[in-house]
C-alpha atoms as a PDB file:
ATOM      1  CA  MET A   1      94.260  -0.861  92.922  1.00  0.00           C
ATOM      2  CA  ALA A   2      93.473   0.918  96.176  1.00  0.00           C
ATOM      3  CA  GLU A   3      90.769  -0.429  98.447  1.00  0.00           C
ATOM      4  CA  PRO A   4      87.610   1.750  98.654  1.00  0.00           C
ATOM      5  CA  ALA A   5      88.465   2.744 102.218  1.00  0.00           C
ATOM      6  CA  ASP A   6      91.942   3.827 101.159  1.00  0.00           C
ATOM      7  CA  ALA A   7      90.472   5.778  98.223  1.00  0.00           C
ATOM      8  CA  ASN A   8      88.095   7.577 100.566  1.00  0.00           C
ATOM      9  CA  ILE A   9      90.971   8.486 102.882  1.00  0.00           C
ATOM     10  CA  ALA A  10      92.992   9.784  99.935  1.00  0.00           C
ATOM     11  CA  SER A  11      90.050  11.926  98.815  1.00  0.00           C
ATOM     12  CA  ALA A  12      89.465  13.309 102.314  1.00  0.00           C
ATOM     13  CA  SER A  13      93.183  14.005 102.659  1.00  0.00           C
ATOM     14  CA  ALA A  14      93.268  15.915  99.372  1.00  0.00           C
ATOM     15  CA  VAL A  15      90.388  18.135 100.522  1.00  0.00           C
ATOM     16  CA  ILE A  16      91.956  18.802 103.933  1.00  0.00           C
ATOM     17  CA  LEU A  17      95.380  19.554 102.474  1.00  0.00           C
ATOM     18  CA  CYS A  18      93.854  21.962  99.973  1.00  0.00           C
ATOM     19  CA  PHE A  19      92.167  23.753 102.876  1.00  0.00           C
ATOM     20  CA  VAL A  20      95.626  23.949 104.465  1.00  0.00           C
ATOM     21  CA  ALA A  21      97.074  25.415 101.260  1.00  0.00           C
ATOM     22  CA  GLY A  22      94.363  28.095 101.100  1.00  0.00           C
ATOM     23  CA  THR A  23      95.006  28.979 104.718  1.00  0.00           C
ATOM     24  CA  THR A  24      98.761  29.087 104.174  1.00  0.00           C
ATOM     25  CA  ASP A  25      98.608  31.316 101.096  1.00  0.00           C
ATOM     26  CA  VAL A  26      96.509  33.990 102.803  1.00  0.00           C
ATOM     27  CA  LEU A  27      98.429  33.635 106.067  1.00  0.00           C
ATOM     28  CA  SER A  28     101.791  34.109 104.359  1.00  0.00           C
ATOM     29  CA  TYR A  29     100.574  36.993 102.205  1.00  0.00           C
ATOM     30  CA  LEU A  30      99.076  38.940 105.105  1.00  0.00           C
ATOM     31  CA  THR A  31     101.671  38.196 107.793  1.00  0.00           C
ATOM     32  CA  LEU A  32     104.943  37.439 106.003  1.00  0.00           C
ATOM     33  CA  GLY A  33     105.370  40.443 103.762  1.00  0.00           C
ATOM     34  CA  GLN A  34     102.945  39.860 100.881  1.00  0.00           C
ATOM     35  CA  ILE A  35     104.390  36.669  99.448  1.00  0.00           C
ATOM     36  CA  PHE A  36     102.955  33.190  98.972  1.00  0.00           C
ATOM     37  CA  THR A  37     104.533  30.077 100.453  1.00  0.00           C
ATOM     38  CA  SER A  38     102.196  27.604  98.735  1.00  0.00           C
ATOM     39  CA  ALA A  39     101.202  29.108  95.362  1.00  0.00           C
ATOM     40  CA  MET A  40     104.531  29.264  93.557  1.00  0.00           C
ATOM     41  CA  THR A  41     103.097  30.673  90.332  1.00  0.00           C
ATOM     42  CA  GLY A  42     101.876  33.706  92.224  1.00  0.00           C
ATOM     43  CA  CYS A  43     105.121  33.873  94.169  1.00  0.00           C
ATOM     44  CA  ALA A  44     107.188  33.870  90.954  1.00  0.00           C
ATOM     45  CA  ALA A  45     105.013  36.659  89.534  1.00  0.00           C
ATOM     46  CA  LEU A  46     105.495  38.659  92.733  1.00  0.00           C
ATOM     47  CA  PHE A  47     109.259  38.156  92.550  1.00  0.00           C
ATOM     48  CA  PHE A  48     109.545  39.625  89.048  1.00  0.00           C
ATOM     49  CA  LEU A  49     107.051  42.382  89.827  1.00  0.00           C
ATOM     50  CA  LYS A  50     108.905  43.453  92.965  1.00  0.00           C
ATOM     51  CA  ALA A  51     112.371  43.040  91.447  1.00  0.00           C
ATOM     52  CA  THR A  52     111.612  45.132  88.369  1.00  0.00           C
ATOM     53  CA  GLY A  53     109.887  47.739  90.540  1.00  0.00           C
ATOM     54  CA  GLY A  54     112.922  48.123  92.758  1.00  0.00           C
ATOM     55  CA  HIS A  55     111.262  46.590  95.832  1.00  0.00           C
ATOM     56  CA  TYR A  56     114.245  44.380  96.595  1.00  0.00           C
ATOM     57  CA  PRO A  57     113.350  43.279 100.159  1.00  0.00           C
ATOM     58  CA  ALA A  58     109.995  41.984  98.881  1.00  0.00           C
ATOM     59  CA  ALA A  59     111.704  40.348  95.893  1.00  0.00           C
ATOM     60  CA  LEU A  60     114.127  38.663  98.303  1.00  0.00           C
ATOM     61  CA  ARG A  61     111.237  37.255 100.346  1.00  0.00           C
ATOM     62  CA  ALA A  62     109.611  35.858  97.199  1.00  0.00           C
ATOM     63  CA  ALA A  63     112.898  34.350  96.026  1.00  0.00           C
ATOM     64  CA  LEU A  64     113.409  32.781  99.438  1.00  0.00           C
ATOM     65  CA  ALA A  65     109.935  31.237  99.305  1.00  0.00           C
ATOM     66  CA  LEU A  66     110.604  29.797  95.840  1.00  0.00           C
ATOM     67  CA  ALA A  67     113.939  28.297  96.916  1.00  0.00           C
ATOM     68  CA  SER A  68     112.470  26.895 100.141  1.00  0.00           C
ATOM     69  CA  TYR A  69     109.579  25.307  98.289  1.00  0.00           C
ATOM     70  CA  MET A  70     112.064  23.488  96.055  1.00  0.00           C
ATOM     71  CA  LEU A  71     113.955  22.466  99.182  1.00  0.00           C
ATOM     72  CA  GLY A  72     110.765  20.881 100.515  1.00  0.00           C
ATOM     73  CA  CYS A  73     110.292  18.950  97.266  1.00  0.00           C
ATOM     74  CA  ALA A  74     113.903  17.755  97.437  1.00  0.00           C
ATOM     75  CA  LEU A  75     113.545  16.751 101.082  1.00  0.00           C
ATOM     76  CA  ALA A  76     110.417  14.705 100.338  1.00  0.00           C
ATOM     77  CA  THR A  77     112.155  12.998  97.419  1.00  0.00           C
ATOM     78  CA  LEU A  78     115.127  12.060  99.578  1.00  0.00           C
ATOM     79  CA  LEU A  79     112.818  10.644 102.256  1.00  0.00           C
ATOM     80  CA  GLN A  80     110.947   8.434  99.811  1.00  0.00           C
ATOM     81  CA  PRO A  81     112.070   4.785  99.533  1.00  0.00           C
ATOM     82  CA  ARG A  82     113.838   3.708  96.371  1.00  0.00           C
ATOM     83  CA  GLU A  83     111.461   0.815  95.733  1.00  0.00           C
ATOM     84  CA  ALA A  84     108.793   2.085  93.324  1.00  0.00           C
ATOM     85  CA  LYS A  85     105.997   0.075  94.985  1.00  0.00           C
ATOM     86  CA  GLU A  86     106.743   1.707  98.361  1.00  0.00           C
ATOM     87  CA  VAL A  87     106.807   5.321  97.160  1.00  0.00           C
ATOM     88  CA  LYS A  88     103.030   5.784  97.488  1.00  0.00           C
ATOM     89  CA  SER A  89     102.478   3.377 100.367  1.00  0.00           C
ATOM     90  CA  PRO A  90     100.602   4.523 103.514  1.00  0.00           C
ATOM     91  CA  ARG A  91     103.835   4.225 105.525  1.00  0.00           C
ATOM     92  CA  THR A  92     105.685   6.544 103.167  1.00  0.00           C
ATOM     93  CA  LEU A  93     102.868   9.098 103.216  1.00  0.00           C
ATOM     94  CA  ARG A  94     102.757   8.876 107.004  1.00  0.00           C
ATOM     95  CA  ASN A  95     106.500   9.523 107.242  1.00  0.00           C
ATOM     96  CA  LEU A  96     106.309  12.548 104.944  1.00  0.00           C
ATOM     97  CA  LEU A  97     103.368  13.926 106.890  1.00  0.00           C
ATOM     98  CA  LEU A  98     105.310  13.482 110.126  1.00  0.00           C
ATOM     99  CA  VAL A  99     108.057  15.713 108.735  1.00  0.00           C
ATOM    100  CA  GLU A 100     105.517  18.297 107.577  1.00  0.00           C
ATOM    101  CA  VAL A 101     103.897  18.308 111.016  1.00  0.00           C
ATOM    102  CA  ALA A 102     107.327  18.864 112.604  1.00  0.00           C
ATOM    103  CA  LEU A 103     108.004  21.786 110.256  1.00  0.00           C
ATOM    104  CA  LEU A 104     104.621  23.377 110.925  1.00  0.00           C
ATOM    105  CA  LEU A 105     105.048  22.911 114.664  1.00  0.00           C
ATOM    106  CA  GLY A 106     108.363  24.757 114.400  1.00  0.00           C
ATOM    107  CA  TYR A 107     106.570  27.485 112.444  1.00  0.00           C
ATOM    108  CA  CYS A 108     103.922  27.880 115.159  1.00  0.00           C
ATOM    109  CA  VAL A 109     106.497  28.045 117.940  1.00  0.00           C
ATOM    110  CA  LEU A 110     108.608  30.645 116.129  1.00  0.00           C
ATOM    111  CA  ALA A 111     105.517  32.682 115.196  1.00  0.00           C
ATOM    112  CA  ALA A 112     104.432  32.672 118.842  1.00  0.00           C
ATOM    113  CA  LEU A 113     107.849  33.894 119.988  1.00  0.00           C
ATOM    114  CA  ALA A 114     108.235  36.555 117.292  1.00  0.00           C
ATOM    115  CA  ALA A 115     106.502  39.907 117.040  1.00  0.00           C
ATOM    116  CA  HIS A 116     103.159  40.008 115.258  1.00  0.00           C
ATOM    117  CA  PRO A 117     103.425  40.446 112.393  1.00  0.00           C
ATOM    118  CA  ALA A 118     106.960  39.036 112.285  1.00  0.00           C
ATOM    119  CA  THR A 119     109.775  41.156 110.902  1.00  0.00           C
ATOM    120  CA  GLY A 120     113.483  40.808 110.173  1.00  0.00           C
ATOM    121  CA  ALA A 121     115.187  37.440 110.557  1.00  0.00           C
ATOM    122  CA  ALA A 122     112.149  35.860 112.238  1.00  0.00           C
ATOM    123  CA  ARG A 123     109.996  36.611 109.199  1.00  0.00           C
ATOM    124  CA  LEU A 124     112.592  35.167 106.830  1.00  0.00           C
ATOM    125  CA  TRP A 125     112.809  31.969 108.878  1.00  0.00           C
ATOM    126  CA  LEU A 126     109.027  31.681 108.924  1.00  0.00           C
ATOM    127  CA  ILE A 127     109.011  31.982 105.133  1.00  0.00           C
ATOM    128  CA  VAL A 128     111.646  29.244 104.857  1.00  0.00           C
ATOM    129  CA  ILE A 129     109.781  26.868 107.176  1.00  0.00           C
ATOM    130  CA  SER A 130     106.346  27.445 105.652  1.00  0.00           C
ATOM    131  CA  ALA A 131     107.475  27.159 102.033  1.00  0.00           C
ATOM    132  CA  THR A 132     109.542  24.051 102.805  1.00  0.00           C
ATOM    133  CA  ALA A 133     106.491  22.438 104.399  1.00  0.00           C
ATOM    134  CA  MET A 134     104.364  23.300 101.371  1.00  0.00           C
ATOM    135  CA  GLY A 135     106.957  21.918  98.977  1.00  0.00           C
ATOM    136  CA  LEU A 136     106.906  18.680 100.917  1.00  0.00           C
ATOM    137  CA  GLN A 137     103.099  18.719 100.898  1.00  0.00           C
ATOM    138  CA  SER A 138     103.108  18.975  97.116  1.00  0.00           C
ATOM    139  CA  ILE A 139     104.846  15.598  96.974  1.00  0.00           C
ATOM    140  CA  VAL A 140     102.377  14.132  99.466  1.00  0.00           C
ATOM    141  CA  ALA A 141      99.481  15.352  97.289  1.00  0.00           C
ATOM    142  CA  GLN A 142     101.129  13.824  94.244  1.00  0.00           C
ATOM    143  CA  ASP A 143     101.454  10.485  96.040  1.00  0.00           C
ATOM    144  CA  LEU A 144      97.781  10.424  97.060  1.00  0.00           C
ATOM    145  CA  SER A 145      97.095   9.100  93.542  1.00  0.00           C
ATOM    146  CA  GLU A 146      94.080  11.334  92.960  1.00  0.00           C
ATOM    147  CA  PRO A 147      94.164  12.227  89.211  1.00  0.00           C
ATOM    148  CA  GLY A 148      93.967  15.930  88.415  1.00  0.00           C
ATOM    149  CA  ILE A 149      94.277  16.948  92.066  1.00  0.00           C
ATOM    150  CA  SER A 150      96.997  19.164  93.466  1.00  0.00           C
ATOM    151  CA  THR A 151      96.696  20.805  96.848  1.00  0.00           C
ATOM    152  CA  VAL A 152      99.206  23.575  96.115  1.00  0.00           C
ATOM    153  CA  VAL A 153      98.670  24.355  92.396  1.00  0.00           C
ATOM    154  CA  LEU A 154      95.061  24.925  91.381  1.00  0.00           C
ATOM    155  CA  ASN A 155      95.585  25.612  87.654  1.00  0.00           C
ATOM    156  CA  PRO A 156      95.596  21.936  86.524  1.00  0.00           C
ATOM    157  CA  THR A 157      92.621  21.195  88.793  1.00  0.00           C
ATOM    158  CA  MET A 158      90.616  24.117  87.403  1.00  0.00           C
ATOM    159  CA  THR A 159      91.563  23.225  83.822  1.00  0.00           C
ATOM    160  CA  SER A 160      90.439  19.627  84.213  1.00  0.00           C
ATOM    161  CA  LEU A 161      87.220  20.654  85.931  1.00  0.00           C
ATOM    162  CA  GLY A 162      86.491  23.318  83.321  1.00  0.00           C
ATOM    163  CA  VAL A 163      86.793  20.734  80.531  1.00  0.00           C
ATOM    164  CA  ALA A 164      84.572  18.260  82.397  1.00  0.00           C
ATOM    165  CA  LEU A 165      81.871  20.845  83.158  1.00  0.00           C
ATOM    166  CA  THR A 166      81.817  21.994  79.527  1.00  0.00           C
ATOM    167  CA  LYS A 167      81.399  18.400  78.296  1.00  0.00           C
ATOM    168  CA  ARG A 168      78.611  17.903  80.806  1.00  0.00           C
ATOM    169  CA  MET A 169      76.778  21.059  79.651  1.00  0.00           C
ATOM    170  CA  ILE A 170      76.957  20.158  75.939  1.00  0.00           C
ATOM    171  CA  GLY A 171      75.844  16.590  76.584  1.00  0.00           C
ATOM    172  CA  GLN A 172      79.083  14.717  75.938  1.00  0.00           C
ATOM    173  CA  GLU A 173      79.015  13.381  79.518  1.00  0.00           C
ATOM    174  CA  ARG A 174      75.910  12.226  81.401  1.00  0.00           C
ATOM    175  CA  LYS A 175      77.375  13.095  84.773  1.00  0.00           C
ATOM    176  CA  LEU A 176      80.616  14.367  86.201  1.00  0.00           C
ATOM    177  CA  PRO A 177      83.178  11.614  86.860  1.00  0.00           C
ATOM    178  CA  ARG A 178      84.241  11.024  90.469  1.00  0.00           C
ATOM    179  CA  ASP A 179      87.594  12.772  89.910  1.00  0.00           C
ATOM    180  CA  ASN A 180      85.884  15.947  88.752  1.00  0.00           C
ATOM    181  CA  ARG A 181      83.412  15.896  91.638  1.00  0.00           C
ATOM    182  CA  LEU A 182      86.359  15.664  94.007  1.00  0.00           C
ATOM    183  CA  GLN A 183      87.968  18.637  92.247  1.00  0.00           C
ATOM    184  CA  ILE A 184      84.920  20.731  93.137  1.00  0.00           C
ATOM    185  CA  PHE A 185      85.327  19.873  96.824  1.00  0.00           C
ATOM    186  CA  VAL A 186      89.057  20.613  96.616  1.00  0.00           C
ATOM    187  CA  LEU A 187      88.459  24.082  95.174  1.00  0.00           C
ATOM    188  CA  ILE A 188      85.767  24.807  97.774  1.00  0.00           C
ATOM    189  CA  ALA A 189      88.179  23.710 100.514  1.00  0.00           C
ATOM    190  CA  TYR A 190      90.896  26.043  99.243  1.00  0.00           C
ATOM    191  CA  ALA A 191      88.452  28.955  99.082  1.00  0.00           C
ATOM    192  CA  ALA A 192      87.133  28.149 102.561  1.00  0.00           C
ATOM    193  CA  GLY A 193      90.644  28.087 104.014  1.00  0.00           C
ATOM    194  CA  ALA A 194      91.570  31.367 102.332  1.00  0.00           C
ATOM    195  CA  LEU A 195      88.351  33.132 103.365  1.00  0.00           C
ATOM    196  CA  MET A 196      88.463  31.915 106.954  1.00  0.00           C
ATOM    197  CA  THR A 197      92.076  33.002 107.354  1.00  0.00           C
ATOM    198  CA  ALA A 198      91.437  36.453 105.898  1.00  0.00           C
ATOM    199  CA  VAL A 199      88.489  37.009 108.240  1.00  0.00           C
ATOM    200  CA  VAL A 200      90.346  35.756 111.315  1.00  0.00           C
ATOM    201  CA  ILE A 201      93.473  37.826 110.619  1.00  0.00           C
ATOM    202  CA  ALA A 202      91.321  40.914 110.095  1.00  0.00           C
ATOM    203  CA  ARG A 203      90.156  40.380 113.658  1.00  0.00           C
ATOM    204  CA  HIS A 204      93.777  40.096 114.853  1.00  0.00           C
ATOM    205  CA  VAL A 205      93.454  36.490 115.999  1.00  0.00           C
ATOM    206  CA  THR A 206      96.983  35.053 115.894  1.00  0.00           C
ATOM    207  CA  GLU A 207      95.880  31.493 116.693  1.00  0.00           C
ATOM    208  CA  VAL A 208      95.187  31.033 112.976  1.00  0.00           C
ATOM    209  CA  ASN A 209      98.890  30.126 112.710  1.00  0.00           C
ATOM    210  CA  TRP A 210      97.962  26.727 114.146  1.00  0.00           C
ATOM    211  CA  VAL A 211      95.323  25.885 111.531  1.00  0.00           C
ATOM    212  CA  PRO A 212      97.714  24.389 108.910  1.00  0.00           C
ATOM    213  CA  LEU A 213      99.354  22.288 111.620  1.00  0.00           C
ATOM    214  CA  VAL A 214      96.000  20.955 112.817  1.00  0.00           C
ATOM    215  CA  GLY A 215      94.906  20.152 109.254  1.00  0.00           C
ATOM    216  CA  VAL A 216      98.058  18.211 108.418  1.00  0.00           C
ATOM    217  CA  ALA A 217      97.938  16.466 111.812  1.00  0.00           C
ATOM    218  CA  VAL A 218      94.439  15.202 110.967  1.00  0.00           C
ATOM    219  CA  VAL A 219      95.693  13.747 107.675  1.00  0.00           C
ATOM    220  CA  LEU A 220      98.667  12.230 109.527  1.00  0.00           C
ATOM    221  CA  GLY A 221      96.224  10.552 111.906  1.00  0.00           C
ATOM    222  CA  LEU A 222      94.351   9.040 108.976  1.00  0.00           C
ATOM    223  CA  TYR A 223      97.506   7.605 107.448  1.00  0.00           C
ATOM    224  CA  GLN A 224      98.820   6.437 110.796  1.00  0.00           C
ATOM    225  CA  LYS A 225      95.676   4.324 111.099  1.00  0.00           C
ATOM    226  CA  VAL A 226      96.004   3.012 107.525  1.00  0.00           C
ATOM    227  CA  SER A 227      99.696   2.270 108.036  1.00  0.00           C
ATOM    228  CA  ARG A 228      98.982   0.214 111.169  1.00  0.00           C
ATOM    229  CA  SER A 229      96.249  -1.701 109.361  1.00  0.00           C
ATOM    230  CA  THR A 230      98.590  -2.429 106.447  1.00  0.00           C
ATOM    231  CA  THR A 231     101.350  -3.627 108.783  1.00  0.00           C
ATOM    232  CA  PHE A 232      98.871  -5.899 110.601  1.00  0.00           C
ATOM    233  CA  CYS A 233      97.705  -7.453 107.314  1.00  0.00           C
ATOM    234  CA  GLU A 234     101.291  -7.998 106.182  1.00  0.00           C
ATOM    235  CA  GLN A 235     102.093  -9.757 109.455  1.00  0.00           C
ATOM    236  CA  LYS A 236      99.073 -12.021 109.072  1.00  0.00           C
ATOM    237  CA  VAL A 237     100.133 -12.946 105.534  1.00  0.00           C
ATOM    238  CA  ALA A 238     103.683 -13.666 106.711  1.00  0.00           C
ATOM    239  CA  GLN A 239     102.394 -15.916 109.505  1.00  0.00           C
ATOM    240  CA  LYS A 240     100.281 -17.937 107.061  1.00  0.00           C
ATOM    241  CA  ARG A 241     103.335 -18.506 104.934  1.00  0.00           C
END
């Protein structure tokens, strides 16, 4: 069982990463040709809508985002250790977050060098990088061990929260469980990220490209600290032996 401090870090990380997802979805939709690089359900719907409507460049962008997201999931899986007990360890999460930070840094650099909004090959590469980072983030969110929480797919979170709120209203539950309270904060974080990004882009502020990077870097810092603490404790135990 996780220590309370570790549980608090996992909860804070889930909220921050959901803010990143909200930012990324609006950012990609408004600047990368009306596709999503985090919300794959919406991206799949856009692909079929554009493909059947004959808007093949837009359908290609959506298909590229879907494929890149899966690439990110595959990359995270390959980077995870084979030992089951190490898969969700702070060190593993830190390593995955390091890769995501590197991807998002590459995104920011390319976005700064490209036209605004990006077009042509630059836009396609930005889609690939962003969706790959979000696919990797989906595995990180899964490994945070927060039940019913996903930072890139809100449907399960909303379903679980809807059930819990209904039970609370009809008296089956005296109060919302901790997991459901966290889900409220996660949804608020997503909405805040989406709203902030939409407002900032409307004012033509391109620095919003850096927001996902900063958010993930904050979570990386948290897990870097936890990882060092875990390593220190392991060394102390080894010395006593």
